[in-house]
């Protein structure tokens, strides 16, 4: 399973950066809209809290969305960094398992 280590609320957490995490996040928000908003420095606090809540929940942590929201407000810069890292790794991490398909080198055109 692909994972990412985030720092949040003074602790390090290893959270899954997988399709399951994306699916959970997208129950409430569009992940690509979140990433666009984050890239223009206009993310919504509730979206940051939701991304972190989903990732921690997927990791098996017993957390509440309201508590995560309060912690986001207490340390916005670190929360913003954690949420964007989760989103980026989940989307850009490549396949979760390496392909077992054999590949052949591309023909070079020379004989």
Foldseek 3Di string as FASTA:
>chain_A
DAWDWAAFPNDIDIFHLEVQLCVQLVVPDHLVVQLVCLVVVRHDLLSLLSSVVSRCVRSVDDDDSVVSSVRCVVPVVSSSVRSNVSSCCSVPVPDPDDDPDDDDDDDPPDD
